[in-house]
Amino acid sequence: MMEQRIDDGLSPYRTYSRAEWAAQRDDMPMTLTSEEVAKLRSLHDQLDMKEVEEIYLPLTRLLSLYVAATQRLHRAQQRFLGIEDQKMPFVIGVAGSVAVGKSTTARVLQALLARWPNVPKVDLVTTDGFLLPNAVLEREHLMERKGFPESYDLPALLRFLTDVKAGRHPVRAPVYSHLVYDVVPNLWVEVDRPDILIVEGLNVLQTGRPPKDGKAIPFVSDFFDFSVYIDAGEDVLREWYVNRFLTLRGTAFRDPKSYFHRYAGLSDEEATATALAIWERINRANLHENILPTRQRATLILRKGDSHRIEEVSLRKL
């Protein structure tokens, strides 16, 4: 049996050590090779086969139970109402700070879920594509707030999720280029009735103030059936961000097309100072104002240590 490490009776979560969580893999098979795992890993992330086995296989086992239960509930509601709606996709949200490894988690989940025995169709969309174009952000004086809630085309994102949940097809999502640091005009990714949709982004768990008149205001998280928050200490996140910046200075930033090409020639000291300034001015502010306050809304919290390894898992009680 898996024992809860800390339970004061008040927390909505049960928290487990890595070893306790790993024991819940049961007979969930490993369906990825070491080469495939390496391709899923983001810059500086420490994803390996052991991480997949001990963290992500137990998680996909849990998700299989959630998906099956949701499908049973959907069928029960159809029988109650005497209707035959189209099958609704199971939507998973993945949230967390810049540099915490959201993209790696989202890609690993997509790869593992797509290899379940019934071979479900699993799509992945990042909310970066729903950022307002740089031209709009500059006009509205929001470039320094890029990644903050006000920098997104929220109505477009909500329409996208509404259409996906309603079974409309195909549904298009805009594409974002990290090279040019902007939404790519006239480029789309199509989502066509997936069984599972993963939505990854900084602020996907955020809500707003409830309206005084009681009218419904949809939030992105309203469309989620399950959500994951990737967590790490602030000092660790800052260090990971700076290290990533220094690495990109010698790789992607050297491309003349890169929005950050002007940083390619910085010395180590200059690059570190620049990265720290960006972190403090933008990413740290966004973390405290918008991202971290949503952590307790997640179904599952994956807590990373300074080595990028997930050390604790907190699962919300039902």
C-alpha atoms as a PDB file:
ATOM      1  CA  MET A   1       0.000   0.000   0.000  1.00  0.00           C
ATOM      2  CA  MET A   2       1.143   3.555  -0.717  1.00  0.00           C
ATOM      3  CA  GLU A   3       1.321   5.664   2.416  1.00  0.00           C
ATOM      4  CA  GLN A   4       0.606   9.370   2.485  1.00  0.00           C
ATOM      5  CA  ARG A   5       3.643  11.243   3.789  1.00  0.00           C
ATOM      6  CA  ILE A   6       1.894  14.217   5.363  1.00  0.00           C
ATOM      7  CA  ASP A   7      -1.787  14.488   6.175  1.00  0.00           C
ATOM      8  CA  ASP A   8      -3.037  17.026   8.698  1.00  0.00           C
ATOM      9  CA  GLY A   9      -6.602  16.342   7.625  1.00  0.00           C
ATOM     10  CA  LEU A  10      -6.936  19.796   6.103  1.00  0.00           C
ATOM     11  CA  SER A  11      -4.992  19.612   2.861  1.00  0.00           C
ATOM     12  CA  PRO A  12      -7.009  18.708  -0.248  1.00  0.00           C
ATOM     13  CA  TYR A  13      -3.979  16.687  -1.406  1.00  0.00           C
ATOM     14  CA  ARG A  14      -2.229  13.495  -0.486  1.00  0.00           C
ATOM     15  CA  THR A  15       1.527  13.818  -0.995  1.00  0.00           C
ATOM     16  CA  TYR A  16       3.772  10.884  -1.845  1.00  0.00           C
ATOM     17  CA  SER A  17       7.500  10.364  -2.168  1.00  0.00           C
ATOM     18  CA  ARG A  18       8.962   9.355  -5.499  1.00  0.00           C
ATOM     19  CA  ALA A  19       9.345   5.745  -4.341  1.00  0.00           C
ATOM     20  CA  GLU A  20       5.764   5.583  -3.043  1.00  0.00           C
ATOM     21  CA  TRP A  21       4.416   6.984  -6.287  1.00  0.00           C
ATOM     22  CA  ALA A  22       6.575   4.675  -8.428  1.00  0.00           C
ATOM     23  CA  ALA A  23       5.021   1.661  -6.695  1.00  0.00           C
ATOM     24  CA  GLN A  24       1.698   2.541  -8.326  1.00  0.00           C
ATOM     25  CA  ARG A  25       2.961   1.676 -11.799  1.00  0.00           C
ATOM     26  CA  ASP A  26       1.631  -1.857 -11.267  1.00  0.00           C
ATOM     27  CA  ASP A  27       1.634  -3.628 -14.639  1.00  0.00           C
ATOM     28  CA  MET A  28       1.589  -0.491 -16.815  1.00  0.00           C
ATOM     29  CA  PRO A  29       3.989  -1.422 -19.651  1.00  0.00           C
ATOM     30  CA  MET A  30       6.885   0.714 -20.865  1.00  0.00           C
ATOM     31  CA  THR A  31       6.085   1.568 -24.473  1.00  0.00           C
ATOM     32  CA  LEU A  32       8.890   4.049 -25.186  1.00  0.00           C
ATOM     33  CA  THR A  33      12.499   3.360 -26.086  1.00  0.00           C
ATOM     34  CA  SER A  34      15.429   5.265 -24.612  1.00  0.00           C
ATOM     35  CA  GLU A  35      15.942   6.950 -27.995  1.00  0.00           C
ATOM     36  CA  GLU A  36      12.317   8.135 -28.039  1.00  0.00           C
ATOM     37  CA  VAL A  37      12.577   9.439 -24.477  1.00  0.00           C
ATOM     38  CA  ALA A  38      15.692  11.414 -25.418  1.00  0.00           C
ATOM     39  CA  LYS A  39      13.806  13.089 -28.273  1.00  0.00           C
ATOM     40  CA  LEU A  40      10.993  14.129 -25.914  1.00  0.00           C
ATOM     41  CA  ARG A  41      13.374  15.845 -23.509  1.00  0.00           C
ATOM     42  CA  SER A  42      13.597  19.634 -23.519  1.00  0.00           C
ATOM     43  CA  LEU A  43      16.813  21.614 -23.109  1.00  0.00           C
ATOM     44  CA  HIS A  44      18.470  20.945 -19.723  1.00  0.00           C
ATOM     45  CA  ASP A  45      15.677  18.638 -18.594  1.00  0.00           C
ATOM     46  CA  GLN A  46      16.860  15.378 -17.038  1.00  0.00           C
ATOM     47  CA  LEU A  47      14.144  13.098 -18.383  1.00  0.00           C
ATOM     48  CA  ASP A  48      15.318   9.494 -18.686  1.00  0.00           C
ATOM     49  CA  MET A  49      13.814   6.025 -18.717  1.00  0.00           C
ATOM     50  CA  LYS A  50      13.798   5.860 -14.921  1.00  0.00           C
ATOM     51  CA  GLU A  51      11.816   9.099 -14.692  1.00  0.00           C
ATOM     52  CA  VAL A  52       9.293   7.750 -17.168  1.00  0.00           C
ATOM     53  CA  GLU A  53       9.024   4.458 -15.292  1.00  0.00           C
ATOM     54  CA  GLU A  54       8.737   5.940 -11.795  1.00  0.00           C
ATOM     55  CA  ILE A  55       6.660   9.062 -12.479  1.00  0.00           C
ATOM     56  CA  TYR A  56       4.900   8.981 -15.819  1.00  0.00           C
ATOM     57  CA  LEU A  57       3.849   5.342 -16.052  1.00  0.00           C
ATOM     58  CA  PRO A  58       2.005   5.523 -12.714  1.00  0.00           C
ATOM     59  CA  LEU A  59       0.462   8.803 -13.901  1.00  0.00           C
ATOM     60  CA  THR A  60      -0.750   7.277 -17.158  1.00  0.00           C
ATOM     61  CA  ARG A  61      -2.212   4.374 -15.178  1.00  0.00           C
ATOM     62  CA  LEU A  62      -4.129   6.898 -13.072  1.00  0.00           C
ATOM     63  CA  LEU A  63      -5.225   8.766 -16.196  1.00  0.00           C
ATOM     64  CA  SER A  64      -6.545   5.538 -17.720  1.00  0.00           C
ATOM     65  CA  LEU A  65      -8.829   5.189 -14.701  1.00  0.00           C
ATOM     66  CA  TYR A  66      -9.972   8.823 -14.976  1.00  0.00           C
ATOM     67  CA  VAL A  67     -10.670   8.505 -18.709  1.00  0.00           C
ATOM     68  CA  ALA A  68     -12.673   5.304 -18.234  1.00  0.00           C
ATOM     69  CA  ALA A  69     -14.676   6.831 -15.361  1.00  0.00           C
ATOM     70  CA  THR A  70     -15.392   9.983 -17.370  1.00  0.00           C
ATOM     71  CA  GLN A  71     -16.606   7.922 -20.322  1.00  0.00           C
ATOM     72  CA  ARG A  72     -18.936   5.931 -18.048  1.00  0.00           C
ATOM     73  CA  LEU A  73     -20.322   9.141 -16.566  1.00  0.00           C
ATOM     74  CA  HIS A  74     -20.860  10.607 -20.021  1.00  0.00           C
ATOM     75  CA  ARG A  75     -22.792   7.521 -21.139  1.00  0.00           C
ATOM     76  CA  ALA A  76     -24.856   7.580 -17.944  1.00  0.00           C
ATOM     77  CA  GLN A  77     -25.801  11.214 -18.556  1.00  0.00           C
ATOM     78  CA  GLN A  78     -26.773  10.413 -22.145  1.00  0.00           C
ATOM     79  CA  ARG A  79     -29.075   7.627 -20.948  1.00  0.00           C
ATOM     80  CA  PHE A  80     -30.601   9.926 -18.346  1.00  0.00           C
ATOM     81  CA  LEU A  81     -31.298  12.658 -20.898  1.00  0.00           C
ATOM     82  CA  GLY A  82     -32.214  10.282 -23.696  1.00  0.00           C
ATOM     83  CA  ILE A  83     -29.723  11.838 -26.103  1.00  0.00           C
ATOM     84  CA  GLU A  84     -26.779  10.694 -28.183  1.00  0.00           C
ATOM     85  CA  ASP A  85     -24.144  13.417 -28.102  1.00  0.00           C
ATOM     86  CA  GLN A  86     -20.879  13.064 -29.919  1.00  0.00           C
ATOM     87  CA  LYS A  87     -18.017  11.687 -27.886  1.00  0.00           C
ATOM     88  CA  MET A  88     -16.252  14.441 -25.968  1.00  0.00           C
ATOM     89  CA  PRO A  89     -12.454  14.390 -25.717  1.00  0.00           C
ATOM     90  CA  PHE A  90     -10.774  14.013 -22.339  1.00  0.00           C
ATOM     91  CA  VAL A  91      -8.815  17.257 -21.831  1.00  0.00           C
ATOM     92  CA  ILE A  92      -5.649  17.459 -19.726  1.00  0.00           C
ATOM     93  CA  GLY A  93      -4.124  20.789 -18.708  1.00  0.00           C
ATOM     94  CA  VAL A  94      -0.399  21.162 -17.980  1.00  0.00           C
ATOM     95  CA  ALA A  95       0.680  24.333 -16.149  1.00  0.00           C
ATOM     96  CA  GLY A  96       3.745  25.781 -14.435  1.00  0.00           C
ATOM     97  CA  SER A  97       6.435  28.424 -14.606  1.00  0.00           C
ATOM     98  CA  VAL A  98       8.767  29.304 -17.439  1.00  0.00           C
ATOM     99  CA  ALA A  99      11.720  26.842 -17.544  1.00  0.00           C
ATOM    100  CA  VAL A 100      10.047  24.255 -15.269  1.00  0.00           C
ATOM    101  CA  GLY A 101       9.664  21.605 -17.988  1.00  0.00           C
ATOM    102  CA  LYS A 102       6.004  21.810 -19.010  1.00  0.00           C
ATOM    103  CA  SER A 103       6.760  20.947 -22.621  1.00  0.00           C
ATOM    104  CA  THR A 104       8.616  17.785 -21.652  1.00  0.00           C
ATOM    105  CA  THR A 105       5.776  16.620 -19.423  1.00  0.00           C
ATOM    106  CA  ALA A 106       3.183  17.335 -22.101  1.00  0.00           C
ATOM    107  CA  ARG A 107       5.127  15.486 -24.801  1.00  0.00           C
ATOM    108  CA  VAL A 108       5.794  12.458 -22.586  1.00  0.00           C
ATOM    109  CA  LEU A 109       2.123  12.206 -21.679  1.00  0.00           C
ATOM    110  CA  GLN A 110       1.126  12.462 -25.324  1.00  0.00           C
ATOM    111  CA  ALA A 111       3.577   9.741 -26.345  1.00  0.00           C
ATOM    112  CA  LEU A 112       2.541   7.354 -23.569  1.00  0.00           C
ATOM    113  CA  LEU A 113      -1.204   7.911 -23.849  1.00  0.00           C
ATOM    114  CA  ALA A 114      -1.151   7.413 -27.629  1.00  0.00           C
ATOM    115  CA  ARG A 115       0.255   3.912 -27.068  1.00  0.00           C
ATOM    116  CA  TRP A 116      -2.506   2.614 -24.872  1.00  0.00           C
ATOM    117  CA  PRO A 117      -3.905  -0.722 -26.177  1.00  0.00           C
ATOM    118  CA  ASN A 118      -6.947   0.959 -27.755  1.00  0.00           C
ATOM    119  CA  VAL A 119      -4.607   3.422 -29.560  1.00  0.00           C
ATOM    120  CA  PRO A 120      -6.398   6.681 -28.779  1.00  0.00           C
ATOM    121  CA  LYS A 121      -5.853   9.816 -30.843  1.00  0.00           C
ATOM    122  CA  VAL A 122      -3.940  12.227 -28.592  1.00  0.00           C
ATOM    123  CA  ASP A 123      -3.351  15.829 -29.659  1.00  0.00           C
ATOM    124  CA  LEU A 124      -1.184  18.463 -27.980  1.00  0.00           C
ATOM    125  CA  VAL A 125      -1.701  22.219 -28.176  1.00  0.00           C
ATOM    126  CA  THR A 126       0.280  24.942 -26.427  1.00  0.00           C
ATOM    127  CA  THR A 127      -1.342  28.224 -25.485  1.00  0.00           C
ATOM    128  CA  ASP A 128       1.662  30.107 -26.925  1.00  0.00           C
ATOM    129  CA  GLY A 129      -0.184  30.046 -30.235  1.00  0.00           C
ATOM    130  CA  PHE A 130      -2.953  32.120 -28.665  1.00  0.00           C
ATOM    131  CA  LEU A 131      -0.608  34.925 -27.650  1.00  0.00           C
ATOM    132  CA  LEU A 132      -1.493  38.187 -29.325  1.00  0.00           C
ATOM    133  CA  PRO A 133       0.863  38.992 -32.223  1.00  0.00           C
ATOM    134  CA  ASN A 134       3.859  41.147 -31.315  1.00  0.00           C
ATOM    135  CA  ALA A 135       2.479  44.006 -33.389  1.00  0.00           C
ATOM    136  CA  VAL A 136      -0.625  44.066 -31.199  1.00  0.00           C
ATOM    137  CA  LEU A 137       1.377  43.691 -27.988  1.00  0.00           C
ATOM    138  CA  GLU A 138       3.622  46.587 -29.004  1.00  0.00           C
ATOM    139  CA  ARG A 139       0.657  48.766 -29.916  1.00  0.00           C
ATOM    140  CA  GLU A 140      -0.980  48.013 -26.578  1.00  0.00           C
ATOM    141  CA  HIS A 141       2.325  48.432 -24.677  1.00  0.00           C
ATOM    142  CA  LEU A 142       2.187  44.806 -23.537  1.00  0.00           C
ATOM    143  CA  MET A 143       5.509  43.400 -24.775  1.00  0.00           C
ATOM    144  CA  GLU A 144       6.877  43.528 -21.231  1.00  0.00           C
ATOM    145  CA  ARG A 145       3.772  41.592 -20.143  1.00  0.00           C
ATOM    146  CA  LYS A 146       4.134  38.817 -22.697  1.00  0.00           C
ATOM    147  CA  GLY A 147       3.029  35.576 -21.059  1.00  0.00           C
ATOM    148  CA  PHE A 148       0.783  37.421 -18.601  1.00  0.00           C
ATOM    149  CA  PRO A 149      -2.958  36.727 -18.948  1.00  0.00           C
ATOM    150  CA  GLU A 150      -3.648  40.005 -20.734  1.00  0.00           C
ATOM    151  CA  SER A 151      -1.215  39.087 -23.546  1.00  0.00           C
ATOM    152  CA  TYR A 152      -3.404  36.218 -24.806  1.00  0.00           C
ATOM    153  CA  ASP A 153      -6.338  36.211 -27.187  1.00  0.00           C
ATOM    154  CA  LEU A 154      -8.515  34.592 -24.536  1.00  0.00           C
ATOM    155  CA  PRO A 155     -11.766  34.652 -26.564  1.00  0.00           C
ATOM    156  CA  ALA A 156     -10.026  32.737 -29.362  1.00  0.00           C
ATOM    157  CA  LEU A 157      -8.637  30.170 -26.915  1.00  0.00           C
ATOM    158  CA  LEU A 158     -12.036  29.687 -25.302  1.00  0.00           C
ATOM    159  CA  ARG A 159     -13.712  29.304 -28.714  1.00  0.00           C
ATOM    160  CA  PHE A 160     -11.111  26.690 -29.644  1.00  0.00           C
ATOM    161  CA  LEU A 161     -11.737  24.669 -26.478  1.00  0.00           C
ATOM    162  CA  THR A 162     -15.503  25.022 -26.809  1.00  0.00           C
ATOM    163  CA  ASP A 163     -15.389  23.694 -30.376  1.00  0.00           C
ATOM    164  CA  VAL A 164     -13.124  20.791 -29.414  1.00  0.00           C
ATOM    165  CA  LYS A 165     -15.343  19.792 -26.486  1.00  0.00           C
ATOM    166  CA  ALA A 166     -18.432  20.059 -28.698  1.00  0.00           C
ATOM    167  CA  GLY A 167     -16.938  17.594 -31.171  1.00  0.00           C
ATOM    168  CA  ARG A 168     -16.695  20.080 -34.028  1.00  0.00           C
ATOM    169  CA  HIS A 169     -14.041  19.269 -36.610  1.00  0.00           C
ATOM    170  CA  PRO A 170     -11.562  20.152 -37.680  1.00  0.00           C
ATOM    171  CA  VAL A 171     -10.679  22.887 -35.198  1.00  0.00           C
ATOM    172  CA  ARG A 172      -7.641  25.086 -35.859  1.00  0.00           C
ATOM    173  CA  ALA A 173      -5.130  26.479 -33.383  1.00  0.00           C
ATOM    174  CA  PRO A 174      -2.541  29.131 -34.335  1.00  0.00           C
ATOM    175  CA  VAL A 175       1.151  28.246 -34.307  1.00  0.00           C
ATOM    176  CA  TYR A 176       3.841  30.102 -32.337  1.00  0.00           C
ATOM    177  CA  SER A 177       7.519  30.292 -33.291  1.00  0.00           C
ATOM    178  CA  HIS A 178      10.001  30.521 -30.429  1.00  0.00           C
ATOM    179  CA  LEU A 179      12.651  31.462 -32.979  1.00  0.00           C
ATOM    180  CA  VAL A 180      10.960  34.671 -34.107  1.00  0.00           C
ATOM    181  CA  TYR A 181       9.152  35.036 -30.754  1.00  0.00           C
ATOM    182  CA  ASP A 182       5.798  35.583 -32.435  1.00  0.00           C
ATOM    183  CA  VAL A 183       2.666  33.920 -33.764  1.00  0.00           C
ATOM    184  CA  VAL A 184       3.238  32.721 -37.332  1.00  0.00           C
ATOM    185  CA  PRO A 185       0.706  34.342 -39.727  1.00  0.00           C
ATOM    186  CA  ASN A 186      -1.553  31.982 -41.673  1.00  0.00           C
ATOM    187  CA  LEU A 187      -0.124  28.845 -40.066  1.00  0.00           C
ATOM    188  CA  TRP A 188      -2.383  26.517 -38.111  1.00  0.00           C
ATOM    189  CA  VAL A 189      -2.436  23.123 -36.466  1.00  0.00           C
ATOM    190  CA  GLU A 190      -5.642  21.151 -36.906  1.00  0.00           C
ATOM    191  CA  VAL A 191      -7.291  19.228 -34.085  1.00  0.00           C
ATOM    192  CA  ASP A 192      -9.793  16.711 -35.439  1.00  0.00           C
ATOM    193  CA  ARG A 193     -11.889  14.987 -32.758  1.00  0.00           C
ATOM    194  CA  PRO A 194      -9.104  13.626 -30.548  1.00  0.00           C
ATOM    195  CA  ASP A 195      -9.827  11.116 -27.821  1.00  0.00           C
ATOM    196  CA  ILE A 196      -7.482  13.064 -25.555  1.00  0.00           C
ATOM    197  CA  LEU A 197      -6.315  16.662 -25.854  1.00  0.00           C
ATOM    198  CA  ILE A 198      -3.375  18.021 -23.842  1.00  0.00           C
ATOM    199  CA  VAL A 199      -3.307  21.803 -23.364  1.00  0.00           C
ATOM    200  CA  GLU A 200       0.011  23.175 -22.101  1.00  0.00           C
ATOM    201  CA  GLY A 201       0.617  26.739 -20.950  1.00  0.00           C
ATOM    202  CA  LEU A 202       1.680  29.139 -18.233  1.00  0.00           C
ATOM    203  CA  ASN A 203      -1.712  30.373 -17.125  1.00  0.00           C
ATOM    204  CA  VAL A 204      -4.120  27.593 -18.069  1.00  0.00           C
ATOM    205  CA  LEU A 205      -5.316  27.138 -14.470  1.00  0.00           C
ATOM    206  CA  GLN A 206      -6.037  30.800 -13.857  1.00  0.00           C
ATOM    207  CA  THR A 207      -9.478  32.115 -13.015  1.00  0.00           C
ATOM    208  CA  GLY A 208     -10.786  35.615 -12.501  1.00  0.00           C
ATOM    209  CA  ARG A 209     -13.119  37.390 -10.149  1.00  0.00           C
ATOM    210  CA  PRO A 210     -16.639  35.944 -10.265  1.00  0.00           C
ATOM    211  CA  PRO A 211     -19.250  38.279 -11.756  1.00  0.00           C
ATOM    212  CA  LYS A 212     -21.590  40.012  -9.303  1.00  0.00           C
ATOM    213  CA  ASP A 213     -24.611  39.207 -11.449  1.00  0.00           C
ATOM    214  CA  GLY A 214     -23.927  35.462 -11.324  1.00  0.00           C
ATOM    215  CA  LYS A 215     -23.612  35.097 -15.083  1.00  0.00           C
ATOM    216  CA  ALA A 216     -21.303  32.373 -16.335  1.00  0.00           C
ATOM    217  CA  ILE A 217     -17.775  33.388 -17.282  1.00  0.00           C
ATOM    218  CA  PRO A 218     -15.822  30.474 -18.766  1.00  0.00           C
ATOM    219  CA  PHE A 219     -12.195  29.898 -17.855  1.00  0.00           C
ATOM    220  CA  VAL A 220      -9.720  27.731 -19.719  1.00  0.00           C
ATOM    221  CA  SER A 221      -9.604  25.307 -16.798  1.00  0.00           C
ATOM    222  CA  ASP A 222     -13.380  24.776 -17.024  1.00  0.00           C
ATOM    223  CA  PHE A 223     -12.687  22.551 -20.022  1.00  0.00           C
ATOM    224  CA  PHE A 224     -10.167  20.333 -18.216  1.00  0.00           C
ATOM    225  CA  ASP A 225     -10.978  16.845 -16.983  1.00  0.00           C
ATOM    226  CA  PHE A 226      -7.559  16.558 -15.310  1.00  0.00           C
ATOM    227  CA  SER A 227      -4.767  19.046 -14.682  1.00  0.00           C
ATOM    228  CA  VAL A 228      -1.075  18.827 -13.823  1.00  0.00           C
ATOM    229  CA  TYR A 229       1.032  21.589 -12.261  1.00  0.00           C
ATOM    230  CA  ILE A 230       4.827  21.278 -12.543  1.00  0.00           C
ATOM    231  CA  ASP A 231       6.347  22.846  -9.427  1.00  0.00           C
ATOM    232  CA  ALA A 232       9.845  23.858  -8.315  1.00  0.00           C
ATOM    233  CA  GLY A 233      11.396  26.349  -5.918  1.00  0.00           C
ATOM    234  CA  GLU A 234      11.829  29.913  -7.138  1.00  0.00           C
ATOM    235  CA  ASP A 235      15.627  29.899  -6.759  1.00  0.00           C
ATOM    236  CA  VAL A 236      15.794  26.687  -8.786  1.00  0.00           C
ATOM    237  CA  LEU A 237      13.538  28.087 -11.491  1.00  0.00           C
ATOM    238  CA  ARG A 238      15.692  31.216 -11.770  1.00  0.00           C
ATOM    239  CA  GLU A 239      18.831  29.108 -12.122  1.00  0.00           C
ATOM    240  CA  TRP A 240      17.231  26.919 -14.805  1.00  0.00           C
ATOM    241  CA  TYR A 241      16.068  29.986 -16.721  1.00  0.00           C
ATOM    242  CA  VAL A 242      19.525  31.570 -16.651  1.00  0.00           C
ATOM    243  CA  ASN A 243      21.223  28.324 -17.709  1.00  0.00           C
ATOM    244  CA  ARG A 244      18.790  27.925 -20.584  1.00  0.00           C
ATOM    245  CA  PHE A 245      19.412  31.518 -21.675  1.00  0.00           C
ATOM    246  CA  LEU A 246      23.180  30.953 -21.650  1.00  0.00           C
ATOM    247  CA  THR A 247      22.836  27.790 -23.725  1.00  0.00           C
ATOM    248  CA  LEU A 248      20.511  29.425 -26.259  1.00  0.00           C
ATOM    249  CA  ARG A 249      22.948  32.322 -26.590  1.00  0.00           C
ATOM    250  CA  GLY A 250      25.349  29.901 -28.273  1.00  0.00           C
ATOM    251  CA  THR A 251      22.715  28.014 -30.282  1.00  0.00           C
ATOM    252  CA  ALA A 252      19.304  29.370 -31.314  1.00  0.00           C
ATOM    253  CA  PHE A 253      20.196  33.009 -30.636  1.00  0.00           C
ATOM    254  CA  ARG A 254      22.956  32.811 -33.263  1.00  0.00           C
ATOM    255  CA  ASP A 255      20.367  32.435 -36.006  1.00  0.00           C
ATOM    256  CA  PRO A 256      19.951  35.880 -37.629  1.00  0.00           C
ATOM    257  CA  LYS A 257      16.193  35.215 -37.757  1.00  0.00           C
ATOM    258  CA  SER A 258      16.037  34.853 -33.974  1.00  0.00           C
ATOM    259  CA  TYR A 259      14.232  37.582 -32.081  1.00  0.00           C
ATOM    260  CA  PHE A 260      17.007  37.289 -29.486  1.00  0.00           C
ATOM    261  CA  HIS A 261      19.879  37.392 -32.005  1.00  0.00           C
ATOM    262  CA  ARG A 262      21.121  40.601 -30.363  1.00  0.00           C
ATOM    263  CA  TYR A 263      22.075  38.571 -27.290  1.00  0.00           C
ATOM    264  CA  ALA A 264      24.270  36.071 -29.178  1.00  0.00           C
ATOM    265  CA  GLY A 265      27.433  38.133 -28.758  1.00  0.00           C
ATOM    266  CA  LEU A 266      27.105  38.793 -25.024  1.00  0.00           C
ATOM    267  CA  SER A 267      29.840  37.639 -22.668  1.00  0.00           C
ATOM    268  CA  ASP A 268      29.008  35.156 -19.909  1.00  0.00           C
ATOM    269  CA  GLU A 269      28.725  37.978 -17.395  1.00  0.00           C
ATOM    270  CA  GLU A 270      26.586  40.129 -19.684  1.00  0.00           C
ATOM    271  CA  ALA A 271      24.321  37.226 -20.639  1.00  0.00           C
ATOM    272  CA  THR A 272      23.830  36.213 -17.005  1.00  0.00           C
ATOM    273  CA  ALA A 273      22.975  39.770 -16.014  1.00  0.00           C
ATOM    274  CA  THR A 274      20.555  40.082 -18.928  1.00  0.00           C
ATOM    275  CA  ALA A 275      18.843  36.785 -18.115  1.00  0.00           C
ATOM    276  CA  LEU A 276      18.506  37.703 -14.442  1.00  0.00           C
ATOM    277  CA  ALA A 277      17.017  41.072 -15.352  1.00  0.00           C
ATOM    278  CA  ILE A 278      14.447  39.450 -17.661  1.00  0.00           C
ATOM    279  CA  TRP A 279      13.632  36.870 -15.007  1.00  0.00           C
ATOM    280  CA  GLU A 280      13.049  39.471 -12.299  1.00  0.00           C
ATOM    281  CA  ARG A 281      11.176  41.936 -14.469  1.00  0.00           C
ATOM    282  CA  ILE A 282       8.906  39.518 -16.330  1.00  0.00           C
ATOM    283  CA  ASN A 283       9.036  35.843 -15.390  1.00  0.00           C
ATOM    284  CA  ARG A 284       9.269  36.195 -11.617  1.00  0.00           C
ATOM    285  CA  ALA A 285       6.491  38.783 -11.637  1.00  0.00           C
ATOM    286  CA  ASN A 286       4.257  36.513 -13.723  1.00  0.00           C
ATOM    287  CA  LEU A 287       5.057  33.557 -11.476  1.00  0.00           C
ATOM    288  CA  HIS A 288       3.944  35.367  -8.330  1.00  0.00           C
ATOM    289  CA  GLU A 289       1.026  37.285  -9.800  1.00  0.00           C
ATOM    290  CA  ASN A 290      -0.551  34.633 -11.984  1.00  0.00           C
ATOM    291  CA  ILE A 291       1.042  31.187 -12.090  1.00  0.00           C
ATOM    292  CA  LEU A 292       1.922  30.120  -8.552  1.00  0.00           C
ATOM    293  CA  PRO A 293      -1.484  31.152  -7.125  1.00  0.00           C
ATOM    294  CA  THR A 294      -3.099  28.544  -9.427  1.00  0.00           C
ATOM    295  CA  ARG A 295      -1.021  25.614  -8.164  1.00  0.00           C
ATOM    296  CA  GLN A 296      -3.660  24.525  -5.667  1.00  0.00           C
ATOM    297  CA  ARG A 297      -6.247  24.240  -8.439  1.00  0.00           C
ATOM    298  CA  ALA A 298      -4.423  21.352 -10.120  1.00  0.00           C
ATOM    299  CA  THR A 299      -5.520  17.738  -9.868  1.00  0.00           C
ATOM    300  CA  LEU A 300      -1.895  16.655  -9.569  1.00  0.00           C
ATOM    301  CA  ILE A 301       1.268  18.523  -8.552  1.00  0.00           C
ATOM    302  CA  LEU A 302       4.676  17.226  -9.655  1.00  0.00           C
ATOM    303  CA  ARG A 303       7.365  18.741  -7.424  1.00  0.00           C
ATOM    304  CA  LYS A 304      10.880  18.927  -8.890  1.00  0.00           C
ATOM    305  CA  GLY A 305      14.163  19.203  -7.031  1.00  0.00           C
ATOM    306  CA  ASP A 306      17.214  21.141  -8.190  1.00  0.00           C
ATOM    307  CA  SER A 307      18.341  18.202 -10.362  1.00  0.00           C
ATOM    308  CA  HIS A 308      15.130  18.464 -12.480  1.00  0.00           C
ATOM    309  CA  ARG A 309      14.021  15.106 -11.085  1.00  0.00           C
ATOM    310  CA  ILE A 310      10.478  14.859  -9.725  1.00  0.00           C
ATOM    311  CA  GLU A 311      10.793  14.164  -6.012  1.00  0.00           C
ATOM    312  CA  GLU A 312       7.192  14.382  -4.761  1.00  0.00           C
ATOM    313  CA  VAL A 313       3.740  13.903  -6.186  1.00  0.00           C
ATOM    314  CA  SER A 314       0.603  15.431  -4.678  1.00  0.00           C
ATOM    315  CA  LEU A 315      -2.768  14.101  -5.805  1.00  0.00           C
ATOM    316  CA  ARG A 316      -5.984  15.941  -5.049  1.00  0.00           C
ATOM    317  CA  LYS A 317      -8.416  13.950  -2.926  1.00  0.00           C
ATOM    318  CA  LEU A 318     -11.766  13.068  -4.459  1.00  0.00           C
END
